[in-house]
């Protein structure tokens, strides 16, 4: 395994926000960490469990969107990201 550079991008020191980039596989790990961070942050935003948010993201294609648009989305502030996800999912989406 190669060395990994860990950068904590979350507030409050949560490990969920750690973005791992290593010499091998850093691309996939960074995207996976970003998806995980978005699931956890959105679950707090809508006051639902991360399991429910994961199923919602999976069902509505958000996981694919986060991976596909990673370059554009990962630099967004979390307030804007939450607004983006609210608009993408719409108010009709049930958890």
N, C-alpha and C. Protein backbone atom coordinates (compact mmCIF):
# COMPACT_ATOMS: atom_id res chain seq x y z
N UNK A 1 0.83 -1.18 0.00
CA UNK A 1 0.00 0.00 0.00
C UNK A 1 0.88 1.24 0.00
N UNK A 2 0.50 2.24 -0.80
CA UNK A 2 1.26 3.48 -0.83
C UNK A 2 0.89 4.38 0.32
N UNK A 3 1.69 5.40 0.53
CA UNK A 3 1.39 6.36 1.58
C UNK A 3 0.15 7.15 1.19
N UNK A 4 -0.59 7.58 2.18
CA UNK A 4 -1.81 8.36 1.92
C UNK A 4 -1.69 9.70 2.62
N UNK A 5 -2.20 10.72 1.96
CA UNK A 5 -2.25 12.06 2.53
C UNK A 5 -3.67 12.28 2.99
N UNK A 6 -3.88 12.53 4.27
CA UNK A 6 -5.23 12.72 4.81
C UNK A 6 -5.45 14.20 5.10
N UNK A 7 -6.52 14.73 4.57
CA UNK A 7 -6.87 16.12 4.80
C UNK A 7 -8.29 16.16 5.35
N UNK A 8 -8.45 16.70 6.55
CA UNK A 8 -9.77 16.77 7.17
C UNK A 8 -10.48 18.02 6.65
N UNK A 9 -11.58 17.83 5.94
CA UNK A 9 -12.33 18.94 5.36
C UNK A 9 -13.64 19.18 6.09
N UNK A 10 -13.86 18.47 7.16
CA UNK A 10 -15.13 18.59 7.85
C UNK A 10 -15.03 19.57 9.00
N UNK A 11 -16.17 19.91 9.54
CA UNK A 11 -16.19 20.72 10.74
C UNK A 11 -16.31 19.80 11.94
N UNK A 12 -15.78 20.20 13.04
CA UNK A 12 -15.90 19.41 14.25
C UNK A 12 -15.00 18.20 14.31
N UNK A 13 -14.08 18.06 13.37
CA UNK A 13 -13.12 16.98 13.42
C UNK A 13 -13.69 15.61 13.07
N UNK A 14 -14.83 15.53 12.40
CA UNK A 14 -15.41 14.26 12.01
C UNK A 14 -14.54 13.55 10.99
N UNK A 15 -14.34 12.26 11.18
CA UNK A 15 -13.53 11.47 10.25
C UNK A 15 -14.21 11.32 8.90
N UNK A 16 -15.53 11.51 8.85
CA UNK A 16 -16.27 11.37 7.60
C UNK A 16 -15.74 12.32 6.54
N UNK A 17 -15.28 13.50 6.94
CA UNK A 17 -14.83 14.49 5.98
C UNK A 17 -13.41 14.30 5.51
N UNK A 18 -12.73 13.28 5.98
CA UNK A 18 -11.35 13.07 5.56
C UNK A 18 -11.31 12.63 4.10
N UNK A 19 -10.53 13.32 3.31
CA UNK A 19 -10.37 12.98 1.90
C UNK A 19 -9.01 12.33 1.76
N UNK A 20 -9.02 11.07 1.32
CA UNK A 20 -7.78 10.33 1.21
C UNK A 20 -7.32 10.31 -0.23
N UNK A 21 -6.09 10.68 -0.45
CA UNK A 21 -5.52 10.59 -1.78
C UNK A 21 -4.18 9.89 -1.67
N UNK A 22 -4.09 8.72 -2.24
CA UNK A 22 -2.85 7.95 -2.21
C UNK A 22 -2.25 7.86 -3.59
N UNK A 23 -1.10 7.24 -3.69
CA UNK A 23 -0.43 7.08 -4.98
C UNK A 23 -1.18 6.11 -5.87
N UNK A 24 -1.78 5.09 -5.27
CA UNK A 24 -2.54 4.10 -6.03
C UNK A 24 -3.99 4.17 -5.60
N UNK A 25 -4.89 4.36 -6.52
CA UNK A 25 -6.31 4.33 -6.20
C UNK A 25 -6.84 5.58 -5.56
N UNK A 26 -6.09 6.67 -5.52
CA UNK A 26 -6.55 7.91 -4.90
C UNK A 26 -7.79 8.47 -5.54
N UNK A 27 -7.92 8.28 -6.85
CA UNK A 27 -9.08 8.79 -7.59
C UNK A 27 -10.36 8.19 -7.02
N UNK A 28 -10.38 6.86 -6.87
CA UNK A 28 -11.59 6.19 -6.40
C UNK A 28 -11.85 6.51 -4.93
N UNK A 29 -10.80 6.53 -4.11
CA UNK A 29 -10.97 6.79 -2.69
C UNK A 29 -11.48 8.20 -2.46
N UNK A 30 -10.98 9.16 -3.20
CA UNK A 30 -11.44 10.54 -3.06
C UNK A 30 -12.92 10.66 -3.39
N UNK A 31 -13.35 10.02 -4.46
CA UNK A 31 -14.76 10.07 -4.84
C UNK A 31 -15.63 9.35 -3.81
N UNK A 32 -15.18 8.21 -3.35
CA UNK A 32 -15.92 7.48 -2.33
C UNK A 32 -16.02 8.28 -1.04
N UNK A 33 -14.93 8.92 -0.65
CA UNK A 33 -14.96 9.76 0.55
C UNK A 33 -15.92 10.93 0.37
N UNK A 34 -15.93 11.51 -0.82
CA UNK A 34 -16.83 12.63 -1.12
C UNK A 34 -18.29 12.17 -1.03
N UNK A 35 -18.59 11.01 -1.61
CA UNK A 35 -19.95 10.49 -1.54
C UNK A 35 -20.36 10.24 -0.09
N UNK A 36 -19.46 9.65 0.68
CA UNK A 36 -19.74 9.38 2.08
C UNK A 36 -19.98 10.67 2.86
N UNK A 37 -19.13 11.65 2.62
CA UNK A 37 -19.27 12.94 3.27
C UNK A 37 -20.63 13.56 2.95
N UNK A 38 -21.03 13.50 1.68
CA UNK A 38 -22.32 14.07 1.27
C UNK A 38 -23.48 13.33 1.91
N UNK A 39 -23.40 12.01 2.00
CA UNK A 39 -24.45 11.23 2.65
C UNK A 39 -24.59 11.65 4.11
N UNK A 40 -23.47 11.71 4.81
CA UNK A 40 -23.50 12.06 6.23
C UNK A 40 -23.99 13.50 6.45
N UNK A 41 -23.48 14.42 5.66
CA UNK A 41 -23.87 15.82 5.81
C UNK A 41 -25.35 16.01 5.49
N UNK A 42 -25.81 15.35 4.40
CA UNK A 42 -27.22 15.49 4.01
C UNK A 42 -28.13 14.84 5.05
N UNK A 43 -27.68 13.75 5.66
CA UNK A 43 -28.50 13.11 6.69
C UNK A 43 -28.71 14.05 7.87
N UNK A 44 -27.70 14.82 8.22
CA UNK A 44 -27.86 15.82 9.29
C UNK A 44 -28.75 16.96 8.81
N UNK A 45 -28.60 17.34 7.56
CA UNK A 45 -29.38 18.44 6.98
C UNK A 45 -30.88 18.15 7.02
N UNK A 46 -31.26 16.92 6.70
CA UNK A 46 -32.69 16.59 6.66
C UNK A 46 -33.15 15.79 7.89
N UNK A 47 -32.22 15.62 8.84
CA UNK A 47 -32.54 14.95 10.10
C UNK A 47 -33.08 13.54 9.89
N UNK A 48 -32.36 12.78 9.06
CA UNK A 48 -32.68 11.38 8.80
C UNK A 48 -31.40 10.56 8.98
N UNK A 49 -31.53 9.26 9.12
CA UNK A 49 -30.35 8.40 9.28
C UNK A 49 -29.55 8.35 7.98
N UNK A 50 -28.27 8.09 8.12
CA UNK A 50 -27.42 7.97 6.93
C UNK A 50 -27.82 6.76 6.09
N UNK A 51 -28.35 5.70 6.70
CA UNK A 51 -28.84 4.55 5.94
C UNK A 51 -29.98 4.96 5.01
N UNK A 52 -30.92 5.73 5.54
CA UNK A 52 -32.05 6.19 4.72
C UNK A 52 -31.57 7.10 3.60
N UNK A 53 -30.62 7.98 3.90
CA UNK A 53 -30.10 8.90 2.88
C UNK A 53 -29.32 8.12 1.82
N UNK A 54 -28.56 7.12 2.23
CA UNK A 54 -27.85 6.28 1.26
C UNK A 54 -28.84 5.64 0.29
N UNK A 55 -29.91 5.04 0.84
CA UNK A 55 -30.91 4.40 -0.03
C UNK A 55 -31.58 5.43 -0.95
N UNK A 56 -31.85 6.62 -0.43
CA UNK A 56 -32.42 7.69 -1.24
C UNK A 56 -31.47 8.07 -2.37
N UNK A 57 -30.20 8.30 -2.03
CA UNK A 57 -29.19 8.68 -3.03
C UNK A 57 -29.03 7.58 -4.09
N UNK A 58 -29.05 6.35 -3.65
CA UNK A 58 -28.91 5.23 -4.58
C UNK A 58 -30.12 5.16 -5.51
N UNK A 59 -31.32 5.24 -4.95
CA UNK A 59 -32.56 5.15 -5.71
C UNK A 59 -32.72 6.30 -6.71
N UNK A 60 -32.32 7.50 -6.32
CA UNK A 60 -32.54 8.68 -7.15
C UNK A 60 -31.34 9.03 -8.04
N UNK A 61 -30.30 8.21 -8.02
CA UNK A 61 -29.15 8.44 -8.90
C UNK A 61 -28.16 9.47 -8.40
N UNK A 62 -28.27 9.87 -7.14
CA UNK A 62 -27.38 10.90 -6.59
C UNK A 62 -25.95 10.37 -6.47
N UNK A 63 -25.79 9.09 -6.12
CA UNK A 63 -24.44 8.54 -6.01
C UNK A 63 -23.72 8.60 -7.36
N UNK A 64 -24.43 8.23 -8.42
CA UNK A 64 -23.85 8.33 -9.76
C UNK A 64 -23.53 9.77 -10.13
N UNK A 65 -24.44 10.67 -9.78
CA UNK A 65 -24.23 12.10 -10.05
C UNK A 65 -22.98 12.61 -9.33
N UNK A 66 -22.83 12.25 -8.05
CA UNK A 66 -21.68 12.71 -7.28
C UNK A 66 -20.37 12.18 -7.85
N UNK A 67 -20.39 10.96 -8.36
CA UNK A 67 -19.18 10.40 -8.98
C UNK A 67 -18.92 11.04 -10.33
N UNK A 68 -19.95 11.14 -11.15
CA UNK A 68 -19.82 11.67 -12.50
C UNK A 68 -19.41 13.15 -12.50
N UNK A 69 -19.97 13.93 -11.58
CA UNK A 69 -19.72 15.37 -11.54
C UNK A 69 -18.76 15.78 -10.41
N UNK A 70 -17.96 14.83 -9.95
CA UNK A 70 -17.06 15.06 -8.82
C UNK A 70 -16.22 16.32 -8.99
N UNK A 71 -15.60 16.49 -10.15
CA UNK A 71 -14.70 17.63 -10.37
C UNK A 71 -15.40 18.97 -10.14
N UNK A 72 -16.65 19.07 -10.55
CA UNK A 72 -17.40 20.32 -10.37
C UNK A 72 -17.99 20.47 -8.98
N UNK A 73 -18.38 19.35 -8.37
CA UNK A 73 -19.12 19.42 -7.11
C UNK A 73 -18.26 19.43 -5.86
N UNK A 74 -17.10 18.80 -5.89
CA UNK A 74 -16.35 18.63 -4.64
C UNK A 74 -15.81 19.93 -4.07
N UNK A 75 -15.75 20.98 -4.87
CA UNK A 75 -15.27 22.26 -4.37
C UNK A 75 -16.37 23.17 -3.83
N UNK A 76 -17.62 22.72 -3.94
CA UNK A 76 -18.75 23.54 -3.48
C UNK A 76 -18.74 23.63 -1.96
N UNK A 77 -19.22 24.74 -1.46
CA UNK A 77 -19.45 24.86 -0.02
C UNK A 77 -20.62 23.97 0.36
N UNK A 78 -20.65 23.51 1.59
CA UNK A 78 -21.68 22.57 2.01
C UNK A 78 -23.08 23.18 2.00
N UNK A 79 -23.21 24.45 2.30
CA UNK A 79 -24.55 25.08 2.25
C UNK A 79 -25.08 25.04 0.81
N UNK A 80 -24.24 25.38 -0.15
CA UNK A 80 -24.65 25.34 -1.55
C UNK A 80 -24.91 23.90 -2.00
N UNK A 81 -24.08 22.95 -1.53
CA UNK A 81 -24.27 21.55 -1.87
C UNK A 81 -25.61 21.04 -1.36
N UNK A 82 -25.99 21.42 -0.14
CA UNK A 82 -27.27 20.99 0.42
C UNK A 82 -28.42 21.57 -0.40
N UNK A 83 -28.30 22.82 -0.80
CA UNK A 83 -29.31 23.45 -1.64
C UNK A 83 -29.40 22.73 -2.99
N UNK A 84 -28.25 22.41 -3.57
CA UNK A 84 -28.20 21.69 -4.84
C UNK A 84 -28.90 20.34 -4.73
N UNK A 85 -28.59 19.61 -3.65
CA UNK A 85 -29.21 18.29 -3.46
C UNK A 85 -30.71 18.41 -3.20
N UNK A 86 -31.13 19.41 -2.43
CA UNK A 86 -32.56 19.64 -2.21
C UNK A 86 -33.27 19.86 -3.54
N UNK A 87 -32.69 20.70 -4.38
CA UNK A 87 -33.31 21.00 -5.68
C UNK A 87 -33.28 19.78 -6.59
N UNK A 88 -32.18 19.05 -6.60
CA UNK A 88 -32.06 17.87 -7.45
C UNK A 88 -33.09 16.81 -7.05
N UNK A 89 -33.24 16.60 -5.76
CA UNK A 89 -34.14 15.57 -5.27
C UNK A 89 -35.60 16.01 -5.28
N UNK A 90 -35.83 17.30 -5.18
CA UNK A 90 -37.19 17.81 -5.17
C UNK A 90 -37.88 17.53 -3.85
N UNK A 91 -38.98 18.19 -3.63
CA UNK A 91 -39.71 18.04 -2.37
C UNK A 91 -40.57 16.78 -2.35
N UNK A 92 -40.85 16.20 -3.52
CA UNK A 92 -41.74 15.04 -3.58
C UNK A 92 -41.05 13.74 -3.18
N UNK A 93 -39.72 13.74 -3.11
CA UNK A 93 -39.00 12.52 -2.82
C UNK A 93 -39.24 12.10 -1.37
N UNK A 94 -39.66 10.85 -1.20
CA UNK A 94 -39.90 10.31 0.14
C UNK A 94 -38.72 9.45 0.53
N UNK A 95 -38.39 9.51 1.83
CA UNK A 95 -37.27 8.69 2.31
C UNK A 95 -37.77 7.39 2.77
